Amino acid sequence: MSRSTATESARIRAKLKHPIVDGDGHIVETGPVLLDYLKQVGGSRLAKRYETLMTKDGGPWGWYAMNAKERRDWRAMRPPFWIMPARHTLDRATALLPNLMAERMDDFGIDYAIIYTSIGLPFVSLHDDELRRGVCRALNVMYADLYRGHEYRLTPAALIPMHTPKEAIEETEYAVKKLGLKAVMIAATVKRPVKALARKLGKHAHLAYWVDPLAIDSDYDYDPVWAKFVELGVSPSAHSNSMGWGARATTSNYMYNHIGHFAASGEAFAKALFFGGVTKRFPMLNVAFLEGGVAWACNLFSDIIEHWEKRSGRKMLKNLDPRRVDAAALADYYARYGGLMTNRLGASRGDATYGGSGAIDLKTMDEFAAADVPTEEALYNRFVPNFYYGCEADDRMVAVAFNDRINHFGAKFKAMFSSDAGHWDVSNIDRVVAQAHGLLEENLISDSDFRAFMFGNIVEQHGKMNPRFFQGTAVEAAAAKHLKVNGRQKRAA
């Protein structure tokens, strides 16, 4: 089969000995079409509620409905604006029309692409239960219809709301069993009201919230959800917004709020999966973190190791037990070296403990217990093999993911090429492969790393959980061969 060489990306692809799979393209939903599907799944009343939210309140953010003083008074976060490409109308139309996307794949230099939502990103986390679930269902039905016939080159990801395990399981089963979708996107965090304040704040209870990363200290047990993903062979891709958290909530600057926000939500979820023991209990569960890059994960893994070395297990914690302080010796040091503090030690050893009287049961203090990491190999296996990271074409930090000289235990993190085609940061869709190839041209990564980035890691994310994921696609043979050679990844000896 001859390939297009009309673009630089296409010429690069023609020279490669492996396919290219896009781990995160986007559709830009057409409003009137979505309304039709909302009416289909939820009736005219639900569709009207959606229209009212999008027009009267300026969308799910509400910022546009306020004047400048109200924004300051409420500390309303400046939301995204002008988020779709406009200069190149062809690219704009490509993101809107799956038929056109499929037609242009060769010019992009991309063999196969997994397509994610745009409008669903805020709606998957909406507090309104009826609208959240209704919009997710409508979008999933719409995606199944729009991409039918394009299975060879494109597949859409279902939108899975995660406010409760029940709704997550119900939508996953519907998407996979009824609609035939094989990829899923989840909200990896849920903003929940602080119950003690909610009773006092009434309709403003949502303003006093805490961020639930689902896998640790949640109000719900999400193990049935992880089990359902494994049962159905779907790898959840986390695509969660953290704009509005903490300092990432200016009233005037979208860029300030945006930079790093996907990484922040990804880090929260990854830490929860690790410390909550999910990666221990579900070793077959592959999880992806999209659009946040991978540098945060390299740093997080290093931080976890350094904390584990000092505070893991009862043996290490005993080194910090304030009951081990020799009170007489400490008093002597104060007497001899205290100066102005000579008589200020106090009567209790607790004066110098900074966070505990020493009366805490050590059995409850090992915060690595759920992760079950008695050895370095266990630590590696709880974090590295099952996590995948969506990285955009111009992200030079991809090089850090593959730098086994820097990363602990010689780890290579599973960075995946993710075009983000359809959104404002992709000015030319047919340039993204060429941009990614720049990592190789500048000797920032090796040929084998480039292959893993553009093909292998994405195949493993989905194919290791569902060996049939790539059947009937443009990359079927190459994916099957890769999966046969690359079994469940273990730490190198």
Protein backbone atom coordinates (compact mmCIF):
# COMPACT_ATOMS: atom_id res chain seq x y z
CA MET A 1 0.00 0.00 0.00
CA SER A 2 1.51 3.33 -1.10
CA ARG A 3 1.55 6.16 1.39
CA SER A 4 1.01 9.88 0.93
CA THR A 5 4.18 11.98 0.96
CA ALA A 6 2.42 15.30 0.53
CA THR A 7 3.53 16.66 3.91
CA GLU A 8 6.71 16.55 5.98
CA SER A 9 4.94 14.36 8.53
CA ALA A 10 3.87 11.95 5.79
CA ARG A 11 7.42 11.76 4.44
CA ILE A 12 8.77 11.00 7.91
CA ARG A 13 6.18 8.27 8.39
CA ALA A 14 7.06 6.72 5.00
CA LYS A 15 10.66 6.18 6.16
CA LEU A 16 9.75 4.53 9.47
CA LYS A 17 9.63 0.77 10.00
CA HIS A 18 6.77 1.05 12.47
CA PRO A 19 3.31 2.64 12.48
CA ILE A 20 2.36 5.78 14.34
CA VAL A 21 -0.58 5.73 16.75
CA ASP A 22 -2.00 8.97 18.14
CA GLY A 23 -2.88 8.44 21.79
CA ASP A 24 -4.96 11.60 22.20
CA GLY A 25 -6.68 13.29 19.29
CA HIS A 26 -9.87 15.29 19.83
CA ILE A 27 -13.25 15.79 18.29
CA VAL A 28 -14.84 19.21 18.57
CA GLU A 29 -18.51 18.49 19.09
CA THR A 30 -21.17 20.25 17.00
CA GLY A 31 -23.73 21.78 19.38
CA PRO A 32 -26.97 21.13 17.46
CA VAL A 33 -25.98 17.48 16.91
CA LEU A 34 -25.27 17.01 20.60
CA LEU A 35 -28.66 18.53 21.42
CA ASP A 36 -30.32 15.97 19.17
CA TYR A 37 -28.63 13.16 21.09
CA LEU A 38 -29.48 14.74 24.44
CA LYS A 39 -33.14 14.71 23.43
CA GLN A 40 -32.76 11.09 22.39
CA VAL A 41 -31.30 9.87 25.68
CA GLY A 42 -32.85 12.31 28.16
CA GLY A 43 -35.77 14.02 26.50
CA SER A 44 -36.44 17.64 25.57
CA ARG A 45 -36.30 18.83 29.17
CA LEU A 46 -32.68 17.68 29.60
CA ALA A 47 -31.70 19.24 26.30
CA LYS A 48 -33.30 22.52 27.39
CA ARG A 49 -31.41 22.43 30.69
CA TYR A 50 -28.16 22.01 28.76
CA GLU A 51 -29.00 24.94 26.47
CA THR A 52 -29.85 27.13 29.46
CA LEU A 53 -26.59 26.29 31.19
CA MET A 54 -24.53 27.01 28.10
CA THR A 55 -26.22 30.32 27.27
CA LYS A 56 -27.49 31.93 30.45
CA ASP A 57 -24.55 31.03 32.68
CA GLY A 58 -21.82 31.20 30.07
CA GLY A 59 -21.17 27.48 30.14
CA PRO A 60 -20.31 25.21 33.03
CA TRP A 61 -17.84 27.74 34.43
CA GLY A 62 -20.20 30.70 35.00
CA TRP A 63 -17.43 33.31 34.67
CA TYR A 64 -18.90 34.93 31.57
CA ALA A 65 -22.18 35.68 33.31
CA MET A 66 -20.42 37.87 35.90
CA ASN A 67 -19.10 41.41 35.75
CA ALA A 68 -15.55 42.24 36.84
CA LYS A 69 -16.53 43.09 40.42
CA GLU A 70 -18.54 39.88 40.82
CA ARG A 71 -15.61 37.83 39.52
CA ARG A 72 -13.32 39.37 42.12
CA ASP A 73 -15.87 39.06 44.91
CA TRP A 74 -16.50 35.39 44.15
CA ARG A 75 -12.90 34.71 43.10
CA ALA A 76 -14.34 33.23 39.91
CA MET A 77 -11.66 31.43 37.91
CA ARG A 78 -10.87 32.74 34.43
CA PRO A 79 -11.95 29.81 32.23
CA PRO A 80 -10.66 28.73 28.82
CA PHE A 81 -11.46 30.84 25.76
CA TRP A 82 -10.73 30.59 22.02
CA ILE A 83 -9.80 26.94 22.52
CA MET A 84 -10.22 25.70 18.92
CA PRO A 85 -8.03 26.36 15.86
CA ALA A 86 -9.28 29.18 13.66
CA ARG A 87 -6.55 30.29 11.24
CA HIS A 88 -6.67 27.10 9.17
CA THR A 89 -10.32 26.40 8.43
CA LEU A 90 -9.42 22.95 7.09
CA ASP A 91 -8.02 21.96 10.48
CA ARG A 92 -11.05 23.42 12.22
CA ALA A 93 -13.33 21.36 10.00
CA THR A 94 -11.17 18.28 10.53
CA ALA A 95 -11.73 18.42 14.28
CA LEU A 96 -15.47 18.83 13.75
CA LEU A 97 -15.98 16.13 11.11
CA PRO A 98 -14.80 12.53 11.65
CA ASN A 99 -15.24 11.80 7.93
CA LEU A 100 -12.70 14.51 7.09
CA MET A 101 -10.36 13.40 9.88
CA ALA A 102 -10.31 9.87 8.48
CA GLU A 103 -9.61 11.15 4.97
CA ARG A 104 -6.58 13.22 6.07
CA MET A 105 -4.84 10.61 8.25
CA ASP A 106 -2.15 9.80 5.68
CA ASP A 107 -1.20 13.46 5.35
CA PHE A 108 -0.87 13.61 9.14
CA GLY A 109 1.53 10.66 9.03
CA ILE A 110 -0.69 8.88 11.55
CA ASP A 111 -1.87 5.31 11.02
CA TYR A 112 -4.42 5.12 13.81
CA ALA A 113 -5.82 7.52 16.41
CA ILE A 114 -7.79 7.38 19.64
CA ILE A 115 -10.17 10.32 19.79
CA TYR A 116 -11.28 12.04 22.99
CA THR A 117 -13.95 14.57 23.86
CA SER A 118 -13.72 18.36 24.00
CA ILE A 119 -17.04 19.57 25.44
CA GLY A 120 -17.12 16.57 27.75
CA LEU A 121 -14.02 17.65 29.67
CA PRO A 122 -15.96 20.01 31.97
CA PHE A 123 -19.19 18.03 31.86
CA VAL A 124 -17.69 14.78 33.10
CA SER A 125 -16.99 16.62 36.37
CA LEU A 126 -20.19 18.66 36.59
CA HIS A 127 -21.88 18.63 40.02
CA ASP A 128 -25.37 18.36 38.53
CA ASP A 129 -25.98 14.60 38.53
CA GLU A 130 -28.67 14.59 35.85
CA LEU A 131 -26.78 16.80 33.40
CA ARG A 132 -23.43 15.08 34.03
CA ARG A 133 -24.78 11.62 33.36
CA GLY A 134 -27.07 12.75 30.57
CA VAL A 135 -24.36 14.59 28.64
CA CYS A 136 -21.92 11.69 29.04
CA ARG A 137 -24.50 9.21 27.76
CA ALA A 138 -25.50 11.43 24.84
CA LEU A 139 -21.89 11.97 23.83
CA ASN A 140 -21.12 8.27 23.95
CA VAL A 141 -24.07 7.39 21.76
CA MET A 142 -23.11 10.20 19.39
CA TYR A 143 -19.49 9.05 19.16
CA ALA A 144 -20.54 5.48 18.42
CA ASP A 145 -22.66 6.75 15.51
CA LEU A 146 -20.20 9.31 14.14
CA TYR A 147 -17.20 6.98 14.07
CA ARG A 148 -19.04 3.93 12.76
CA GLY A 149 -17.34 2.95 9.51
CA HIS A 150 -14.01 4.50 10.52
CA GLU A 151 -12.83 1.65 12.75
CA TYR A 152 -9.79 1.02 10.53
CA ARG A 153 -8.20 4.38 11.39
CA LEU A 154 -10.11 5.94 14.29
CA THR A 155 -11.76 4.96 17.55
CA PRO A 156 -13.55 7.26 20.01
CA ALA A 157 -13.17 7.03 23.78
CA ALA A 158 -16.30 6.80 25.90
CA LEU A 159 -16.83 9.41 28.58
CA ILE A 160 -17.16 7.85 32.06
CA PRO A 161 -18.41 10.00 34.98
CA MET A 162 -16.86 9.00 38.30
CA HIS A 163 -18.83 10.80 41.01
CA THR A 164 -19.97 7.41 42.29
CA PRO A 165 -18.85 3.85 41.52
CA LYS A 166 -22.43 3.02 40.48
CA GLU A 167 -22.57 5.60 37.72
CA ALA A 168 -19.07 4.71 36.53
CA ILE A 169 -19.87 1.02 36.25
CA GLU A 170 -23.22 1.62 34.58
CA GLU A 171 -21.79 3.93 31.91
CA THR A 172 -18.77 1.71 31.27
CA GLU A 173 -20.95 -1.36 30.76
CA TYR A 174 -23.29 0.58 28.47
CA ALA A 175 -20.43 2.04 26.42
CA VAL A 176 -18.59 -1.26 26.00
CA LYS A 177 -21.41 -3.80 25.84
CA LYS A 178 -24.15 -1.79 24.14
CA LEU A 179 -22.22 0.72 22.03
CA GLY A 180 -19.13 -1.37 21.28
CA LEU A 181 -16.66 1.31 22.37
CA LYS A 182 -13.28 0.03 23.53
CA ALA A 183 -11.52 3.06 25.05
CA VAL A 184 -12.68 5.09 28.04
CA MET A 185 -11.87 8.49 29.49
CA ILE A 186 -12.49 9.11 33.17
CA ALA A 187 -12.58 12.03 35.54
CA ALA A 188 -9.74 11.11 37.88
CA THR A 189 -10.78 13.46 40.65
CA VAL A 190 -14.08 14.64 42.07
CA LYS A 191 -14.62 17.92 43.90
CA ARG A 192 -16.85 17.10 46.86
CA PRO A 193 -18.39 19.48 49.40
CA VAL A 194 -17.02 19.50 52.92
CA LYS A 195 -19.93 17.95 54.78
CA ALA A 196 -19.51 19.91 57.99
CA LEU A 197 -19.75 23.16 56.03
CA ALA A 198 -22.29 22.07 53.44
CA ARG A 199 -25.06 22.04 56.02
CA LYS A 200 -24.36 25.68 56.80
CA LEU A 201 -23.63 26.98 53.30
CA GLY A 202 -26.71 25.63 51.54
CA LYS A 203 -26.63 26.41 47.82
CA HIS A 204 -23.07 27.70 48.15
CA ALA A 205 -21.78 24.43 49.60
CA HIS A 206 -19.80 23.72 46.43
CA LEU A 207 -17.47 26.61 47.28
CA ALA A 208 -16.04 24.72 50.27
CA TYR A 209 -14.78 21.56 48.65
CA TRP A 210 -12.12 18.91 48.91
CA VAL A 211 -10.56 17.03 46.00
CA ASP A 212 -11.23 13.31 46.04
CA PRO A 213 -8.60 11.41 43.98
CA LEU A 214 -10.84 8.32 44.20
CA ALA A 215 -8.24 5.77 45.26
CA ILE A 216 -7.46 6.95 48.79
CA ASP A 217 -9.68 8.30 51.60
CA SER A 218 -12.67 8.55 49.28
CA ASP A 219 -16.28 8.60 50.41
CA TYR A 220 -16.73 5.56 48.15
CA ASP A 221 -14.98 2.27 47.48
CA TYR A 222 -13.86 2.40 43.83
CA ASP A 223 -12.38 -1.10 43.75
CA PRO A 224 -15.50 -2.39 41.92
CA VAL A 225 -14.80 0.19 39.20
CA TRP A 226 -11.18 -0.87 38.74
CA ALA A 227 -12.34 -4.49 38.71
CA LYS A 228 -14.94 -3.67 36.03
CA PHE A 229 -12.31 -2.02 33.84
CA VAL A 230 -10.16 -5.15 34.09
CA GLU A 231 -13.14 -7.41 33.43
CA LEU A 232 -14.14 -5.50 30.31
CA GLY A 233 -10.57 -4.98 29.12
CA VAL A 234 -10.63 -1.20 29.01
CA SER A 235 -7.72 0.95 30.13
CA PRO A 236 -8.96 4.19 31.74
CA SER A 237 -7.39 7.39 30.48
CA ALA A 238 -7.56 10.18 33.04
CA HIS A 239 -8.25 13.58 31.55
CA SER A 240 -9.06 15.74 34.56
CA ASN A 241 -9.17 19.48 34.94
CA SER A 242 -7.46 21.02 37.98
CA MET A 243 -7.93 24.65 37.00
CA GLY A 244 -9.54 26.27 40.01
CA TRP A 245 -7.53 24.33 42.57
CA GLY A 246 -5.55 26.40 45.06
CA ALA A 247 -3.52 29.14 43.43
CA ARG A 248 -4.48 27.97 39.94
CA ALA A 249 -7.58 30.16 40.07
CA THR A 250 -6.85 33.69 38.96
CA THR A 251 -9.89 35.68 37.88
CA SER A 252 -8.14 37.19 34.86
CA ASN A 253 -5.49 34.91 33.34
CA TYR A 254 -6.40 31.65 31.60
CA MET A 255 -2.76 30.83 30.84
CA TYR A 256 -1.82 31.12 34.51
CA ASN A 257 -4.64 28.78 35.42
CA HIS A 258 -3.95 26.36 32.56
CA ILE A 259 -0.20 25.74 32.75
CA GLY A 260 0.46 22.54 34.69
CA HIS A 261 -3.16 21.81 35.53
CA PHE A 262 -3.39 18.42 33.79
CA ALA A 263 -0.11 17.45 35.42
CA ALA A 264 -1.45 18.45 38.84
CA SER A 265 -4.56 16.31 38.53
CA GLY A 266 -2.52 13.45 37.11
CA GLU A 267 -0.12 13.57 40.04
CA ALA A 268 -2.99 13.54 42.53
CA PHE A 269 -4.54 10.48 40.89
CA ALA A 270 -1.25 8.62 40.45
CA LYS A 271 -0.32 9.14 44.11
CA ALA A 272 -3.73 7.89 45.17
CA LEU A 273 -3.47 4.77 43.01
CA PHE A 274 -0.06 4.03 44.50
CA PHE A 275 -0.64 4.86 48.17
CA GLY A 276 -4.18 3.48 48.08
CA GLY A 277 -2.83 0.12 46.94
CA VAL A 278 -4.74 -0.01 43.65
CA THR A 279 -1.62 -0.89 41.67
CA LYS A 280 -1.02 -3.71 44.16
CA ARG A 281 -4.55 -5.11 44.05
CA PHE A 282 -5.06 -4.68 40.29
CA PRO A 283 -1.73 -5.45 38.58
CA MET A 284 -3.49 -5.86 35.20
CA LEU A 285 -4.98 -2.35 35.27
CA ASN A 286 -3.22 0.07 32.90
CA VAL A 287 -3.92 3.76 33.53
CA ALA A 288 -3.07 6.73 31.32
CA PHE A 289 -2.74 10.37 32.33
CA LEU A 290 -3.42 12.64 29.37
CA GLU A 291 -2.13 16.07 28.33
CA GLY A 292 0.02 16.61 31.41
CA GLY A 293 3.27 15.33 29.94
CA VAL A 294 5.55 13.00 31.87
CA ALA A 295 8.08 15.16 33.74
CA TRP A 296 5.80 15.31 36.79
CA ALA A 297 5.74 11.51 36.97
CA CYS A 298 9.53 11.24 36.89
CA ASN A 299 9.70 13.72 39.75
CA LEU A 300 6.89 11.98 41.68
CA PHE A 301 8.56 8.58 41.39
CA SER A 302 11.82 10.05 42.68
CA ASP A 303 10.01 11.72 45.58
CA ILE A 304 8.20 8.51 46.50
CA ILE A 305 11.47 6.58 46.58
CA GLU A 306 13.19 9.15 48.76
CA HIS A 307 10.27 9.18 51.19
CA TRP A 308 10.08 5.38 51.16
CA GLU A 309 13.73 5.14 52.10
CA LYS A 310 13.10 7.21 55.25
CA ARG A 311 9.52 6.43 56.31
CA SER A 312 8.45 3.01 55.05
CA GLY A 313 7.72 0.13 57.41
CA ARG A 314 7.72 -0.04 61.17
CA LYS A 315 11.48 -0.52 61.25
CA MET A 316 12.18 2.82 59.53
CA LEU A 317 9.49 4.65 61.49
CA LYS A 318 11.02 3.51 64.76
CA ASN A 319 13.98 5.73 63.93
CA LEU A 320 11.59 8.70 64.24
CA ASP A 321 9.66 7.55 67.31
CA PRO A 322 9.90 10.39 69.88
CA ARG A 323 9.84 7.81 72.67
CA ARG A 324 13.37 6.89 71.67
CA VAL A 325 14.71 10.30 72.65
CA ASP A 326 17.00 10.07 75.70
CA ALA A 327 15.44 12.80 77.87
CA ALA A 328 18.38 13.02 80.25
CA ALA A 329 20.89 13.35 77.43
CA LEU A 330 18.77 15.97 75.67
CA ALA A 331 18.48 17.97 78.89
CA ASP A 332 22.25 17.79 79.28
CA TYR A 333 22.78 19.15 75.77
CA TYR A 334 20.41 22.01 76.49
CA ALA A 335 22.29 22.77 79.72
CA ARG A 336 25.67 22.83 77.99
CA TYR A 337 24.82 24.35 74.61
CA GLY A 338 21.43 26.01 75.00
CA GLY A 339 22.51 29.57 75.65
CA LEU A 340 19.28 31.55 75.75
CA MET A 341 17.38 28.24 75.52
CA THR A 342 19.17 26.54 78.43
CA ASN A 343 16.11 26.50 80.69
CA ARG A 344 13.51 26.26 77.95
CA LEU A 345 13.48 22.52 77.20
CA GLY A 346 10.34 21.93 79.24
CA ALA A 347 9.25 18.93 81.19
CA SER A 348 8.22 16.74 78.26
CA ARG A 349 10.09 15.05 75.44
CA GLY A 350 7.11 16.01 73.28
CA ASP A 351 8.38 19.61 73.14
CA ALA A 352 10.77 18.63 70.36
CA THR A 353 8.62 16.15 68.42
CA TYR A 354 6.72 18.52 66.09
CA GLY A 355 3.75 16.35 65.37
CA GLY A 356 3.03 13.65 67.89
CA SER A 357 3.32 12.75 71.53
CA GLY A 358 4.70 9.34 70.76
CA ALA A 359 1.52 7.58 71.89
CA ILE A 360 0.47 6.60 68.33
CA ASP A 361 0.31 2.90 67.47
CA LEU A 362 3.07 2.19 64.97
CA LYS A 363 0.85 -0.37 63.23
CA THR A 364 -1.29 2.47 61.88
CA MET A 365 1.59 4.70 60.82
CA ASP A 366 3.18 2.88 57.88
CA GLU A 367 1.73 4.93 55.03
CA PHE A 368 3.26 2.61 52.44
CA ALA A 369 1.41 -0.41 53.84
CA ALA A 370 -1.44 -0.44 51.30
CA ALA A 371 1.03 -0.18 48.42
CA ASP A 372 2.96 -3.16 49.86
CA VAL A 373 6.49 -2.15 48.89
CA PRO A 374 8.95 -4.13 51.03
CA THR A 375 11.66 -4.01 48.33
CA GLU A 376 12.92 -1.74 45.57
CA GLU A 377 11.56 -4.15 42.97
CA ALA A 378 8.11 -3.98 44.53
CA LEU A 379 8.29 -0.18 44.57
CA TYR A 380 9.18 -0.15 40.88
CA ASN A 381 6.42 -2.59 39.99
CA ARG A 382 3.76 -0.64 41.89
CA PHE A 383 4.44 2.53 39.88
CA VAL A 384 6.27 2.16 36.58
CA PRO A 385 4.84 -0.72 34.48
CA ASN A 386 1.14 0.22 34.43
CA PHE A 387 1.20 4.01 34.10
CA TYR A 388 1.15 5.74 30.70
CA TYR A 389 1.57 9.44 29.94
CA GLY A 390 0.11 11.50 27.12
CA CYS A 391 2.76 13.93 25.83
CA GLU A 392 2.28 16.46 23.08
CA ALA A 393 4.55 16.69 20.05
CA ASP A 394 6.46 19.77 21.20
CA ASP A 395 7.10 18.48 24.74
CA ARG A 396 10.88 18.24 25.14
CA MET A 397 10.47 16.72 28.60
CA VAL A 398 9.68 13.45 26.83
CA ALA A 399 13.44 13.00 26.81
CA VAL A 400 13.40 12.77 30.62
CA ALA A 401 10.98 9.85 30.47
CA PHE A 402 13.48 7.76 28.53
CA ASN A 403 16.60 8.87 30.43
CA ASP A 404 17.43 5.71 32.36
CA ARG A 405 20.56 7.37 33.79
CA ILE A 406 18.47 9.91 35.71
CA ASN A 407 15.40 7.90 36.61
CA HIS A 408 15.67 5.63 39.65
CA PHE A 409 16.24 1.92 38.94
CA GLY A 410 16.91 2.73 35.29
CA ALA A 411 13.20 3.30 34.71
CA LYS A 412 11.86 4.37 31.34
CA PHE A 413 8.45 5.94 31.75
CA LYS A 414 5.78 5.13 29.19
CA ALA A 415 5.40 8.42 27.38
CA MET A 416 2.90 8.32 24.49
CA PHE A 417 2.61 10.54 21.45
CA SER A 418 -0.60 12.55 21.84
CA SER A 419 -1.33 15.06 19.11
CA ASP A 420 -4.08 16.98 20.94
CA ALA A 421 -5.30 17.69 17.41
CA GLY A 422 -8.42 19.83 17.43
CA HIS A 423 -7.37 22.17 20.23
CA TRP A 424 -5.70 25.59 20.23
CA ASP A 425 -2.16 24.33 20.87
CA VAL A 426 -2.08 22.50 17.53
CA SER A 427 -1.82 25.16 14.85
CA ASN A 428 -1.23 22.67 12.02
CA ILE A 429 -2.40 19.07 12.44
CA ASP A 430 -0.17 17.87 9.61
CA ARG A 431 2.90 19.14 11.51
CA VAL A 432 2.55 17.22 14.78
CA VAL A 433 4.45 14.09 13.68
CA ALA A 434 7.24 16.26 12.29
CA GLN A 435 7.41 18.13 15.60
CA ALA A 436 7.65 14.89 17.55
CA HIS A 437 10.37 13.65 15.19
CA GLY A 438 12.42 16.64 16.30
CA LEU A 439 13.17 14.76 19.53
CA LEU A 440 15.02 12.18 17.44
CA GLU A 441 16.64 14.70 15.11
CA GLU A 442 18.11 16.57 18.11
CA ASN A 443 19.38 13.32 19.66
CA LEU A 444 17.21 13.81 22.73
CA ILE A 445 15.89 10.26 22.45
CA SER A 446 17.03 7.12 20.62
CA ASP A 447 15.41 5.32 17.71
CA SER A 448 14.01 2.67 20.05
CA ASP A 449 12.66 5.36 22.39
CA PHE A 450 11.02 7.12 19.46
CA ARG A 451 9.37 3.86 18.43
CA ALA A 452 8.09 3.35 21.98
CA PHE A 453 6.83 6.93 22.11
CA MET A 454 5.05 6.93 18.76
CA PHE A 455 3.78 3.36 18.74
CA GLY A 456 4.79 0.76 21.32
CA ASN A 457 3.62 2.37 24.54
CA ILE A 458 0.22 3.28 23.17
CA VAL A 459 -0.24 -0.27 21.88
CA GLU A 460 0.69 -1.65 25.29
CA GLN A 461 -1.68 0.62 27.20
CA HIS A 462 -4.71 -0.78 25.43
CA GLY A 463 -3.48 -4.06 23.97
CA LYS A 464 -2.25 -5.58 27.23
CA MET A 465 -5.72 -5.24 28.71
CA ASN A 466 -7.56 -6.09 25.50
CA PRO A 467 -5.52 -8.17 23.01
CA ARG A 468 -8.27 -7.59 20.42
CA PHE A 469 -8.14 -3.80 20.70
CA PHE A 470 -6.27 -3.33 17.41
CA GLN A 471 -7.95 -6.08 15.41
CA GLY A 472 -9.43 -4.76 12.20
CA THR A 473 -7.32 -1.59 12.31
CA ALA A 474 -4.53 -0.23 10.15
CA VAL A 475 -1.98 -1.32 12.76
CA GLU A 476 -3.34 -4.79 13.52
CA ALA A 477 -0.33 -6.84 12.38
CA ALA A 478 2.30 -4.52 13.87
CA ALA A 479 0.43 -4.25 17.16
CA ALA A 480 0.03 -8.04 17.45
CA LYS A 481 3.73 -8.54 16.80
CA HIS A 482 4.67 -5.90 19.36
CA LEU A 483 2.42 -7.38 22.02
CA LYS A 484 3.77 -10.86 21.39
CA VAL A 485 7.35 -9.68 21.88
CA ASN A 486 6.61 -7.32 24.77
CA GLY A 487 4.77 -9.20 27.47
CA ARG A 488 3.95 -7.83 30.91
CA GLN A 489 6.80 -5.44 31.68
CA LYS A 490 8.98 -6.23 34.67
CA ARG A 491 11.92 -4.45 36.14
CA ALA A 492 15.13 -5.38 34.35
CA ALA A 493 17.46 -7.60 36.40
